[in-house]
Amino acid sequence: MQPKIVRLVTAVHEGRVVAFDAHRGLGVVEDRDGTRYDFHCVLIADGSRSVPIGAAVRYSVVPGALGRWEAGTIATVPPA
């Protein structure tokens, strides 16, 4: 019997994209408190697989594949 995989979703966070490598599809968001979370482009909510560096985003924090927390359901926030 295989173990059941459960993905926990936490509250919505706000931050900025501080790094994104389009070729690899990997990026990093930084929360308002300075905490950084890695993400993969498949977790970008609009399906674009691309997000500009410096973009304001909302995201959830989910358990990652390597046992670390990562950003998930990443959505850009339109400028005010």
Protein backbone atom coordinates (compact mmCIF):
# COMPACT_ATOMS: atom_id res chain seq x y z
CA MET A 1 0.00 0.00 0.00
CA GLN A 2 1.43 3.39 -0.99
CA PRO A 3 1.29 6.32 1.42
CA LYS A 4 -1.30 8.97 0.72
CA ILE A 5 0.20 12.33 -0.30
CA VAL A 6 -1.52 15.32 1.30
CA ARG A 7 -0.80 18.87 0.14
CA LEU A 8 -1.44 21.42 2.85
CA VAL A 9 -2.24 24.96 1.83
CA THR A 10 -1.61 27.83 4.22
CA ALA A 11 -2.97 31.38 4.23
CA VAL A 12 -2.42 33.70 1.29
CA HIS A 13 0.87 35.58 1.46
CA GLU A 14 2.03 38.69 -0.39
CA GLY A 15 5.52 39.40 -1.63
CA ARG A 16 7.70 40.02 -4.69
CA VAL A 17 9.47 37.82 -7.21
CA VAL A 18 13.19 38.26 -6.51
CA ALA A 19 14.56 35.71 -9.01
CA PHE A 20 13.25 33.79 -12.01
CA ASP A 21 15.15 31.61 -14.50
CA ALA A 22 12.80 31.15 -17.47
CA HIS A 23 14.99 28.44 -19.03
CA ARG A 24 14.84 26.23 -15.91
CA GLY A 25 11.39 27.43 -14.81
CA LEU A 26 12.59 28.08 -11.27
CA GLY A 27 12.08 31.21 -9.23
CA VAL A 28 12.07 32.70 -5.75
CA VAL A 29 9.50 34.93 -4.04
CA GLU A 30 10.25 36.99 -0.95
CA ASP A 31 7.54 37.53 1.65
CA ARG A 32 7.06 40.91 3.32
CA ASP A 33 8.93 39.60 6.36
CA GLY A 34 11.95 38.61 4.25
CA THR A 35 11.27 34.86 4.12
CA ARG A 36 12.07 33.39 0.70
CA TYR A 37 10.26 30.52 -0.98
CA ASP A 38 11.30 28.70 -4.14
CA PHE A 39 8.74 27.89 -6.83
CA HIS A 40 8.47 26.14 -10.18
CA CYS A 41 6.75 27.79 -13.14
CA VAL A 42 3.93 25.20 -13.20
CA LEU A 43 2.70 26.78 -9.93
CA ILE A 44 1.93 30.14 -11.59
CA ALA A 45 -1.86 30.42 -11.39
CA ASP A 46 -2.57 31.97 -14.80
CA GLY A 47 -0.74 29.16 -16.64
CA SER A 48 1.73 31.53 -18.31
CA ARG A 49 4.81 29.79 -16.82
CA SER A 50 6.52 33.17 -16.63
CA VAL A 51 6.55 36.03 -14.13
CA PRO A 52 8.72 39.17 -14.22
CA ILE A 53 11.33 39.80 -11.54
CA GLY A 54 10.07 42.48 -9.17
CA ALA A 55 6.40 41.65 -9.75
CA ALA A 56 4.13 41.86 -6.70
CA VAL A 57 2.47 38.48 -6.13
CA ARG A 58 0.03 36.66 -3.88
CA TYR A 59 0.74 33.01 -3.15
CA SER A 60 0.19 30.18 -0.72
CA VAL A 61 2.94 28.23 1.00
CA VAL A 62 2.83 24.49 0.35
CA PRO A 63 5.07 21.53 1.14
CA GLY A 64 7.55 21.02 -1.69
CA ALA A 65 8.80 17.86 -3.31
CA LEU A 66 12.16 18.02 -1.53
CA GLY A 67 10.74 18.43 1.98
CA ARG A 68 10.96 22.23 1.99
CA TRP A 69 8.16 24.78 1.95
CA GLU A 70 7.64 26.47 -1.40
CA ALA A 71 5.34 29.04 -2.98
CA GLY A 72 2.29 27.72 -4.79
CA THR A 73 -0.68 29.19 -6.68
CA ILE A 74 1.33 32.30 -7.54
CA ALA A 75 -0.74 35.19 -8.93
CA THR A 76 0.54 38.63 -9.89
CA VAL A 77 -1.08 41.62 -8.20
CA PRO A 78 -2.01 44.49 -10.50
CA PRO A 79 -0.41 47.84 -9.59
CA ALA A 80 -2.58 50.05 -7.38
